[in-house]
Amino acid sequence: MVITKEDLGKKIFAYIQGTLSQAELVKWAEDAFFNDDVEFATGDEGLIRDILGHLGAADVKQFGLTWEDCKAYLHALGFALHVELEKA
């Protein structure tokens, strides 16, 4: 299995949208980071590995995962994030 910047961006966005819990994101990142059968897209290995490493530790209080982290990761992965406010 190959993980691309797009795969990683979609997971982070799912977390931001609330369709993926922090625990699910952390587990996915840990599994991807430590699985010998997982490869990272050619040319993007370092970036993907760095972001996965932080996401995999996001359940540890000292590391956490902030809104700013998510925005920065999405930007580094080539995505722009736009937010809209709707009345509930």
PDB file of N, CA and C in Angstrom:
ATOM      1  N   MET A   1       0.848  -1.183   0.000  1.00  0.00           N
ATOM      2  CA  MET A   1       0.000   0.000   0.000  1.00  0.00           C
ATOM      3  C   MET A   1       0.890   1.242   0.000  1.00  0.00           C
ATOM      4  N   VAL A   2       0.533   2.199  -0.825  1.00  0.00           N
ATOM      5  CA  VAL A   2       1.280   3.451  -0.926  1.00  0.00           C
ATOM      6  C   VAL A   2       0.411   4.588  -0.392  1.00  0.00           C
ATOM      7  N   ILE A   3       0.961   5.367   0.504  1.00  0.00           N
ATOM      8  CA  ILE A   3       0.265   6.540   1.031  1.00  0.00           C
ATOM      9  C   ILE A   3       0.802   7.772   0.326  1.00  0.00           C
ATOM     10  N   THR A   4      -0.115   8.576  -0.189  1.00  0.00           N
ATOM     11  CA  THR A   4       0.244   9.793  -0.906  1.00  0.00           C
ATOM     12  C   THR A   4      -0.097  11.023  -0.063  1.00  0.00           C
ATOM     13  N   LYS A   5       0.345  12.170  -0.544  1.00  0.00           N
ATOM     14  CA  LYS A   5      -0.016  13.421   0.117  1.00  0.00           C
ATOM     15  C   LYS A   5      -1.529  13.598   0.116  1.00  0.00           C
ATOM     16  N   GLU A   6      -2.191  13.160  -0.955  1.00  0.00           N
ATOM     17  CA  GLU A   6      -3.642  13.277  -1.043  1.00  0.00           C
ATOM     18  C   GLU A   6      -4.326  12.395   0.011  1.00  0.00           C
ATOM     19  N   ASP A   7      -3.843  11.172   0.185  1.00  0.00           N
ATOM     20  CA  ASP A   7      -4.410  10.286   1.209  1.00  0.00           C
ATOM     21  C   ASP A   7      -4.310  10.926   2.592  1.00  0.00           C
ATOM     22  N   LEU A   8      -3.144  11.455   2.881  1.00  0.00           N
ATOM     23  CA  LEU A   8      -2.903  12.067   4.183  1.00  0.00           C
ATOM     24  C   LEU A   8      -3.765  13.321   4.369  1.00  0.00           C
ATOM     25  N   GLY A   9      -3.859  14.138   3.326  1.00  0.00           N
ATOM     26  CA  GLY A   9      -4.695  15.334   3.380  1.00  0.00           C
ATOM     27  C   GLY A   9      -6.163  14.999   3.619  1.00  0.00           C
ATOM     28  N   LYS A  10      -6.649  13.947   2.977  1.00  0.00           N
ATOM     29  CA  LYS A  10      -8.046  13.539   3.155  1.00  0.00           C
ATOM     30  C   LYS A  10      -8.310  13.072   4.585  1.00  0.00           C
ATOM     31  N   LYS A  11      -7.351  12.381   5.190  1.00  0.00           N
ATOM     32  CA  LYS A  11      -7.526  11.938   6.580  1.00  0.00           C
ATOM     33  C   LYS A  11      -7.580  13.132   7.531  1.00  0.00           C
ATOM     34  N   ILE A  12      -6.680  14.086   7.327  1.00  0.00           N
ATOM     35  CA  ILE A  12      -6.673  15.276   8.181  1.00  0.00           C
ATOM     36  C   ILE A  12      -7.982  16.055   8.007  1.00  0.00           C
ATOM     37  N   PHE A  13      -8.445  16.173   6.781  1.00  0.00           N
ATOM     38  CA  PHE A  13      -9.694  16.887   6.522  1.00  0.00           C
ATOM     39  C   PHE A  13     -10.879  16.161   7.150  1.00  0.00           C
ATOM     40  N   ALA A  14     -10.887  14.841   7.096  1.00  0.00           N
ATOM     41  CA  ALA A  14     -11.966  14.066   7.741  1.00  0.00           C
ATOM     42  C   ALA A  14     -11.977  14.322   9.241  1.00  0.00           C
ATOM     43  N   TYR A  15     -10.798  14.454   9.826  1.00  0.00           N
ATOM     44  CA  TYR A  15     -10.695  14.772  11.258  1.00  0.00           C
ATOM     45  C   TYR A  15     -11.266  16.168  11.533  1.00  0.00           C
ATOM     46  N   ILE A  16     -10.899  17.136  10.716  1.00  0.00           N
ATOM     47  CA  ILE A  16     -11.389  18.502  10.891  1.00  0.00           C
ATOM     48  C   ILE A  16     -12.905  18.548  10.747  1.00  0.00           C
ATOM     49  N   GLN A  17     -13.454  17.795   9.815  1.00  0.00           N
ATOM     50  CA  GLN A  17     -14.898  17.761   9.583  1.00  0.00           C
ATOM     51  C   GLN A  17     -15.654  17.013  10.674  1.00  0.00           C
ATOM     52  N   GLY A  18     -14.943  16.241  11.451  1.00  0.00           N
ATOM     53  CA  GLY A  18     -15.590  15.480  12.506  1.00  0.00           C
ATOM     54  C   GLY A  18     -16.080  14.111  12.075  1.00  0.00           C
ATOM     55  N   THR A  19     -15.727  13.688  10.876  1.00  0.00           N
ATOM     56  CA  THR A  19     -16.123  12.358  10.411  1.00  0.00           C
ATOM     57  C   THR A  19     -15.104  11.289  10.797  1.00  0.00           C
ATOM     58  N   LEU A  20     -13.978  11.717  11.342  1.00  0.00           N
ATOM     59  CA  LEU A  20     -12.932  10.822  11.830  1.00  0.00           C
ATOM     60  C   LEU A  20     -12.511  11.349  13.202  1.00  0.00           C
ATOM     61  N   SER A  21     -12.567  10.510  14.204  1.00  0.00           N
ATOM     62  CA  SER A  21     -12.208  10.961  15.558  1.00  0.00           C
ATOM     63  C   SER A  21     -10.691  11.088  15.683  1.00  0.00           C
ATOM     64  N   GLN A  22     -10.271  11.772  16.730  1.00  0.00           N
ATOM     65  CA  GLN A  22      -8.833  11.891  16.970  1.00  0.00           C
ATOM     66  C   GLN A  22      -8.226  10.511  17.197  1.00  0.00           C
ATOM     67  N   ALA A  23      -8.911   9.662  17.936  1.00  0.00           N
ATOM     68  CA  ALA A  23      -8.411   8.315  18.196  1.00  0.00           C
ATOM     69  C   ALA A  23      -8.255   7.524  16.890  1.00  0.00           C
ATOM     70  N   GLU A  24      -9.210   7.672  15.975  1.00  0.00           N
ATOM     71  CA  GLU A  24      -9.129   6.983  14.685  1.00  0.00           C
ATOM     72  C   GLU A  24      -7.980   7.529  13.843  1.00  0.00           C
ATOM     73  N   LEU A  25      -7.792   8.841  13.867  1.00  0.00           N
ATOM     74  CA  LEU A  25      -6.691   9.456  13.121  1.00  0.00           C
ATOM     75  C   LEU A  25      -5.349   8.996  13.675  1.00  0.00           C
ATOM     76  N   VAL A  26      -5.216   8.982  14.983  1.00  0.00           N
ATOM     77  CA  VAL A  26      -3.974   8.547  15.631  1.00  0.00           C
ATOM     78  C   VAL A  26      -3.681   7.096  15.278  1.00  0.00           C
ATOM     79  N   LYS A  27      -4.688   6.231  15.369  1.00  0.00           N
ATOM     80  CA  LYS A  27      -4.484   4.809  15.060  1.00  0.00           C
ATOM     81  C   LYS A  27      -4.071   4.618  13.610  1.00  0.00           C
ATOM     82  N   TRP A  28      -4.750   5.320  12.697  1.00  0.00           N
ATOM     83  CA  TRP A  28      -4.408   5.216  11.282  1.00  0.00           C
ATOM     84  C   TRP A  28      -2.960   5.661  11.047  1.00  0.00           C
ATOM     85  N   ALA A  29      -2.582   6.783  11.641  1.00  0.00           N
ATOM     86  CA  ALA A  29      -1.223   7.305  11.471  1.00  0.00           C
ATOM     87  C   ALA A  29      -0.186   6.350  12.055  1.00  0.00           C
ATOM     88  N   GLU A  30      -0.457   5.817  13.240  1.00  0.00           N
ATOM     89  CA  GLU A  30       0.475   4.860  13.851  1.00  0.00           C
ATOM     90  C   GLU A  30       0.615   3.613  12.994  1.00  0.00           C
ATOM     91  N   ASP A  31      -0.514   3.085  12.534  1.00  0.00           N
ATOM     92  CA  ASP A  31      -0.481   1.887  11.687  1.00  0.00           C
ATOM     93  C   ASP A  31       0.315   2.139  10.411  1.00  0.00           C
ATOM     94  N   ALA A  32       0.090   3.287   9.793  1.00  0.00           N
ATOM     95  CA  ALA A  32       0.799   3.618   8.555  1.00  0.00           C
ATOM     96  C   ALA A  32       2.296   3.816   8.807  1.00  0.00           C
ATOM     97  N   PHE A  33       2.626   4.466   9.910  1.00  0.00           N
ATOM     98  CA  PHE A  33       4.022   4.789  10.213  1.00  0.00           C
ATOM     99  C   PHE A  33       4.843   3.535  10.516  1.00  0.00           C
ATOM    100  N   PHE A  34       4.247   2.584  11.222  1.00  0.00           N
ATOM    101  CA  PHE A  34       5.006   1.421  11.693  1.00  0.00           C
ATOM    102  C   PHE A  34       4.800   0.151  10.861  1.00  0.00           C
ATOM    103  N   ASN A  35       3.946   0.198   9.856  1.00  0.00           N
ATOM    104  CA  ASN A  35       3.676  -0.978   9.039  1.00  0.00           C
ATOM    105  C   ASN A  35       4.731  -1.116   7.949  1.00  0.00           C
ATOM    106  N   ASP A  36       5.424  -2.242   7.942  1.00  0.00           N
ATOM    107  CA  ASP A  36       6.476  -2.467   6.951  1.00  0.00           C
ATOM    108  C   ASP A  36       5.932  -2.624   5.533  1.00  0.00           C
ATOM    109  N   ASP A  37       4.641  -2.905   5.399  1.00  0.00           N
ATOM    110  CA  ASP A  37       4.033  -3.078   4.084  1.00  0.00           C
ATOM    111  C   ASP A  37       3.565  -1.762   3.472  1.00  0.00           C
ATOM    112  N   VAL A  38       3.632  -0.689   4.243  1.00  0.00           N
ATOM    113  CA  VAL A  38       3.205   0.626   3.765  1.00  0.00           C
ATOM    114  C   VAL A  38       4.406   1.372   3.205  1.00  0.00           C
ATOM    115  N   GLU A  39       4.200   1.964   2.044  1.00  0.00           N
ATOM    116  CA  GLU A  39       5.229   2.805   1.421  1.00  0.00           C
ATOM    117  C   GLU A  39       4.660   4.212   1.293  1.00  0.00           C
ATOM    118  N   PHE A  40       5.552   5.157   1.111  1.00  0.00           N
ATOM    119  CA  PHE A  40       5.143   6.545   0.932  1.00  0.00           C
ATOM    120  C   PHE A  40       5.475   6.971  -0.490  1.00  0.00           C
ATOM    121  N   ALA A  41       4.631   7.815  -1.064  1.00  0.00           N
ATOM    122  CA  ALA A  41       4.794   8.249  -2.445  1.00  0.00           C
ATOM    123  C   ALA A  41       6.203   8.778  -2.689  1.00  0.00           C
ATOM    124  N   THR A  42       6.749   8.375  -3.800  1.00  0.00           N
ATOM    125  CA  THR A  42       8.107   8.766  -4.180  1.00  0.00           C
ATOM    126  C   THR A  42       8.236  10.282  -4.224  1.00  0.00           C
ATOM    127  N   GLY A  43       9.279  10.774  -3.589  1.00  0.00           N
ATOM    128  CA  GLY A  43       9.553  12.205  -3.548  1.00  0.00           C
ATOM    129  C   GLY A  43       8.909  12.913  -2.370  1.00  0.00           C
ATOM    130  N   ASP A  44       7.945  12.253  -1.740  1.00  0.00           N
ATOM    131  CA  ASP A  44       7.229  12.871  -0.624  1.00  0.00           C
ATOM    132  C   ASP A  44       7.438  12.114   0.686  1.00  0.00           C
ATOM    133  N   GLU A  45       8.341  11.152   0.689  1.00  0.00           N
ATOM    134  CA  GLU A  45       8.522  10.287   1.851  1.00  0.00           C
ATOM    135  C   GLU A  45       8.792  11.066   3.137  1.00  0.00           C
ATOM    136  N   GLY A  46       9.696  12.010   3.090  1.00  0.00           N
ATOM    137  CA  GLY A  46      10.070  12.766   4.288  1.00  0.00           C
ATOM    138  C   GLY A  46       8.917  13.561   4.861  1.00  0.00           C
ATOM    139  N   LEU A  47       8.200  14.268   4.008  1.00  0.00           N
ATOM    140  CA  LEU A  47       7.067  15.074   4.444  1.00  0.00           C
ATOM    141  C   LEU A  47       5.976  14.189   5.039  1.00  0.00           C
ATOM    142  N   ILE A  48       5.631  13.129   4.342  1.00  0.00           N
ATOM    143  CA  ILE A  48       4.577  12.229   4.809  1.00  0.00           C
ATOM    144  C   ILE A  48       4.976  11.594   6.135  1.00  0.00           C
ATOM    145  N   ARG A  49       6.205  11.129   6.231  1.00  0.00           N
ATOM    146  CA  ARG A  49       6.681  10.493   7.465  1.00  0.00           C
ATOM    147  C   ARG A  49       6.656  11.488   8.641  1.00  0.00           C
ATOM    148  N   ASP A  50       7.073  12.727   8.421  1.00  0.00           N
ATOM    149  CA  ASP A  50       7.067  13.741   9.485  1.00  0.00           C
ATOM    150  C   ASP A  50       5.652  14.015  10.000  1.00  0.00           C
ATOM    151  N   ILE A  51       4.718  14.186   9.070  1.00  0.00           N
ATOM    152  CA  ILE A  51       3.343  14.479   9.470  1.00  0.00           C
ATOM    153  C   ILE A  51       2.719  13.271  10.161  1.00  0.00           C
ATOM    154  N   LEU A  52       2.927  12.072   9.612  1.00  0.00           N
ATOM    155  CA  LEU A  52       2.397  10.863  10.249  1.00  0.00           C
ATOM    156  C   LEU A  52       2.946  10.696  11.660  1.00  0.00           C
ATOM    157  N   GLY A  53       4.217  11.018  11.847  1.00  0.00           N
ATOM    158  CA  GLY A  53       4.827  10.902  13.166  1.00  0.00           C
ATOM    159  C   GLY A  53       4.134  11.785  14.189  1.00  0.00           C
ATOM    160  N   HIS A  54       3.813  13.009  13.779  1.00  0.00           N
ATOM    161  CA  HIS A  54       3.123  13.914  14.708  1.00  0.00           C
ATOM    162  C   HIS A  54       1.688  13.467  14.931  1.00  0.00           C
ATOM    163  N   LEU A  55       0.996  13.071  13.881  1.00  0.00           N
ATOM    164  CA  LEU A  55      -0.384  12.622  14.032  1.00  0.00           C
ATOM    165  C   LEU A  55      -0.463  11.386  14.922  1.00  0.00           C
ATOM    166  N   GLY A  56       0.515  10.507  14.798  1.00  0.00           N
ATOM    167  CA  GLY A  56       0.530   9.298  15.609  1.00  0.00           C
ATOM    168  C   GLY A  56       0.753   9.567  17.083  1.00  0.00           C
ATOM    169  N   ALA A  57       1.284  10.726  17.407  1.00  0.00           N
ATOM    170  CA  ALA A  57       1.529  11.097  18.803  1.00  0.00           C
ATOM    171  C   ALA A  57       0.515  12.122  19.309  1.00  0.00           C
ATOM    172  N   ALA A  58      -0.500  12.417  18.510  1.00  0.00           N
ATOM    173  CA  ALA A  58      -1.454  13.473  18.847  1.00  0.00           C
ATOM    174  C   ALA A  58      -2.297  13.156  20.074  1.00  0.00           C
ATOM    175  N   ASP A  59      -2.313  11.900  20.496  1.00  0.00           N
ATOM    176  CA  ASP A  59      -3.087  11.555  21.687  1.00  0.00           C
ATOM    177  C   ASP A  59      -2.275  11.714  22.969  1.00  0.00           C
ATOM    178  N   VAL A  60      -1.032  12.147  22.833  1.00  0.00           N
ATOM    179  CA  VAL A  60      -0.171  12.406  23.984  1.00  0.00           C
ATOM    180  C   VAL A  60      -0.269  13.900  24.293  1.00  0.00           C
ATOM    181  N   LYS A  61      -0.588  14.226  25.531  1.00  0.00           N
ATOM    182  CA  LYS A  61      -0.861  15.612  25.904  1.00  0.00           C
ATOM    183  C   LYS A  61       0.266  16.577  25.502  1.00  0.00           C
ATOM    184  N   GLN A  62       1.519  16.162  25.646  1.00  0.00           N
ATOM    185  CA  GLN A  62       2.637  17.045  25.328  1.00  0.00           C
ATOM    186  C   GLN A  62       2.709  17.384  23.836  1.00  0.00           C
ATOM    187  N   PHE A  63       2.166  16.537  22.985  1.00  0.00           N
ATOM    188  CA  PHE A  63       2.228  16.780  21.544  1.00  0.00           C
ATOM    189  C   PHE A  63       0.936  17.408  21.043  1.00  0.00           C
ATOM    190  N   GLY A  64      -0.192  16.773  21.316  1.00  0.00           N
ATOM    191  CA  GLY A  64      -1.480  17.315  20.913  1.00  0.00           C
ATOM    192  C   GLY A  64      -1.591  17.540  19.415  1.00  0.00           C
ATOM    193  N   LEU A  65      -2.706  18.114  19.014  1.00  0.00           N
ATOM    194  CA  LEU A  65      -2.942  18.439  17.611  1.00  0.00           C
ATOM    195  C   LEU A  65      -3.840  19.670  17.580  1.00  0.00           C
ATOM    196  N   THR A  66      -3.311  20.776  17.122  1.00  0.00           N
ATOM    197  CA  THR A  66      -4.057  22.025  17.105  1.00  0.00           C
ATOM    198  C   THR A  66      -4.631  22.300  15.717  1.00  0.00           C
ATOM    199  N   TRP A  67      -5.538  23.249  15.691  1.00  0.00           N
ATOM    200  CA  TRP A  67      -6.095  23.723  14.423  1.00  0.00           C
ATOM    201  C   TRP A  67      -4.962  24.241  13.529  1.00  0.00           C
ATOM    202  N   GLU A  68      -4.039  24.968  14.128  1.00  0.00           N
ATOM    203  CA  GLU A  68      -2.915  25.518  13.362  1.00  0.00           C
ATOM    204  C   GLU A  68      -2.057  24.401  12.769  1.00  0.00           C
ATOM    205  N   ASP A  69      -1.861  23.319  13.539  1.00  0.00           N
ATOM    206  CA  ASP A  69      -1.118  22.164  13.025  1.00  0.00           C
ATOM    207  C   ASP A  69      -1.807  21.614  11.773  1.00  0.00           C
ATOM    208  N   CYS A  70      -3.100  21.404  11.874  1.00  0.00           N
ATOM    209  CA  CYS A  70      -3.856  20.841  10.752  1.00  0.00           C
ATOM    210  C   CYS A  70      -3.768  21.742   9.523  1.00  0.00           C
ATOM    211  N   LYS A  71      -3.948  23.053   9.727  1.00  0.00           N
ATOM    212  CA  LYS A  71      -3.836  24.000   8.608  1.00  0.00           C
ATOM    213  C   LYS A  71      -2.459  23.939   7.977  1.00  0.00           C
ATOM    214  N   ALA A  72      -1.424  23.912   8.804  1.00  0.00           N
ATOM    215  CA  ALA A  72      -0.054  23.883   8.293  1.00  0.00           C
ATOM    216  C   ALA A  72       0.221  22.583   7.533  1.00  0.00           C
ATOM    217  N   TYR A  73      -0.251  21.470   8.069  1.00  0.00           N
ATOM    218  CA  TYR A  73      -0.039  20.188   7.387  1.00  0.00           C
ATOM    219  C   TYR A  73      -0.752  20.163   6.049  1.00  0.00           C
ATOM    220  N   LEU A  74      -2.000  20.624   6.026  1.00  0.00           N
ATOM    221  CA  LEU A  74      -2.729  20.642   4.763  1.00  0.00           C
ATOM    222  C   LEU A  74      -2.034  21.534   3.744  1.00  0.00           C
ATOM    223  N   HIS A  75      -1.551  22.687   4.185  1.00  0.00           N
ATOM    224  CA  HIS A  75      -0.827  23.580   3.287  1.00  0.00           C
ATOM    225  C   HIS A  75       0.436  22.900   2.747  1.00  0.00           C
ATOM    226  N   ALA A  76       1.195  22.261   3.624  1.00  0.00           N
ATOM    227  CA  ALA A  76       2.421  21.572   3.197  1.00  0.00           C
ATOM    228  C   ALA A  76       2.117  20.439   2.223  1.00  0.00           C
ATOM    229  N   LEU A  77       0.926  19.859   2.351  1.00  0.00           N
ATOM    230  CA  LEU A  77       0.521  18.763   1.462  1.00  0.00           C
ATOM    231  C   LEU A  77      -0.073  19.265   0.149  1.00  0.00           C
ATOM    232  N   GLY A  78      -0.196  20.591   0.022  1.00  0.00           N
ATOM    233  CA  GLY A  78      -0.687  21.171  -1.224  1.00  0.00           C
ATOM    234  C   GLY A  78      -2.167  21.490  -1.238  1.00  0.00           C
ATOM    235  N   PHE A  79      -2.780  21.573  -0.063  1.00  0.00           N
ATOM    236  CA  PHE A  79      -4.206  21.878   0.041  1.00  0.00           C
ATOM    237  C   PHE A  79      -4.419  23.255   0.650  1.00  0.00           C
ATOM    238  N   ALA A  80      -5.500  23.909   0.244  1.00  0.00           N
ATOM    239  CA  ALA A  80      -5.942  25.157   0.863  1.00  0.00           C
ATOM    240  C   ALA A  80      -7.207  24.844   1.633  1.00  0.00           C
ATOM    241  N   LEU A  81      -7.311  25.352   2.836  1.00  0.00           N
ATOM    242  CA  LEU A  81      -8.464  25.090   3.686  1.00  0.00           C
ATOM    243  C   LEU A  81      -9.319  26.342   3.757  1.00  0.00           C
ATOM    244  N   HIS A  82     -10.613  26.186   3.457  1.00  0.00           N
ATOM    245  CA  HIS A  82     -11.569  27.289   3.533  1.00  0.00           C
ATOM    246  C   HIS A  82     -12.664  26.869   4.500  1.00  0.00           C
ATOM    247  N   VAL A  83     -13.034  27.763   5.392  1.00  0.00           N
ATOM    248  CA  VAL A  83     -14.024  27.460   6.423  1.00  0.00           C
ATOM    249  C   VAL A  83     -15.244  28.350   6.239  1.00  0.00           C
ATOM    250  N   GLU A  84     -16.421  27.751   6.423  1.00  0.00           N
ATOM    251  CA  GLU A  84     -17.661  28.513   6.358  1.00  0.00           C
ATOM    252  C   GLU A  84     -18.416  28.333   7.663  1.00  0.00           C
ATOM    253  N   LEU A  85     -19.127  29.352   8.063  1.00  0.00           N
ATOM    254  CA  LEU A  85     -19.930  29.298   9.261  1.00  0.00           C
ATOM    255  C   LEU A  85     -21.405  29.237   8.860  1.00  0.00           C
ATOM    256  N   GLU A  86     -22.120  28.267   9.422  1.00  0.00           N
ATOM    257  CA  GLU A  86     -23.547  28.141   9.162  1.00  0.00           C
ATOM    258  C   GLU A  86     -24.289  28.160  10.482  1.00  0.00           C
ATOM    259  N   LYS A  87     -25.454  28.743  10.473  1.00  0.00           N
ATOM    260  CA  LYS A  87     -26.279  28.721  11.670  1.00  0.00           C
ATOM    261  C   LYS A  87     -26.874  27.329  11.819  1.00  0.00           C
ATOM    262  N   ALA A  88     -26.770  26.792  13.021  1.00  0.00           N
ATOM    263  CA  ALA A  88     -27.270  25.430  13.274  1.00  0.00           C
ATOM    264  C   ALA A  88     -28.755  25.415  13.444  1.00  0.00           C
TER     265      ALA A  88
END
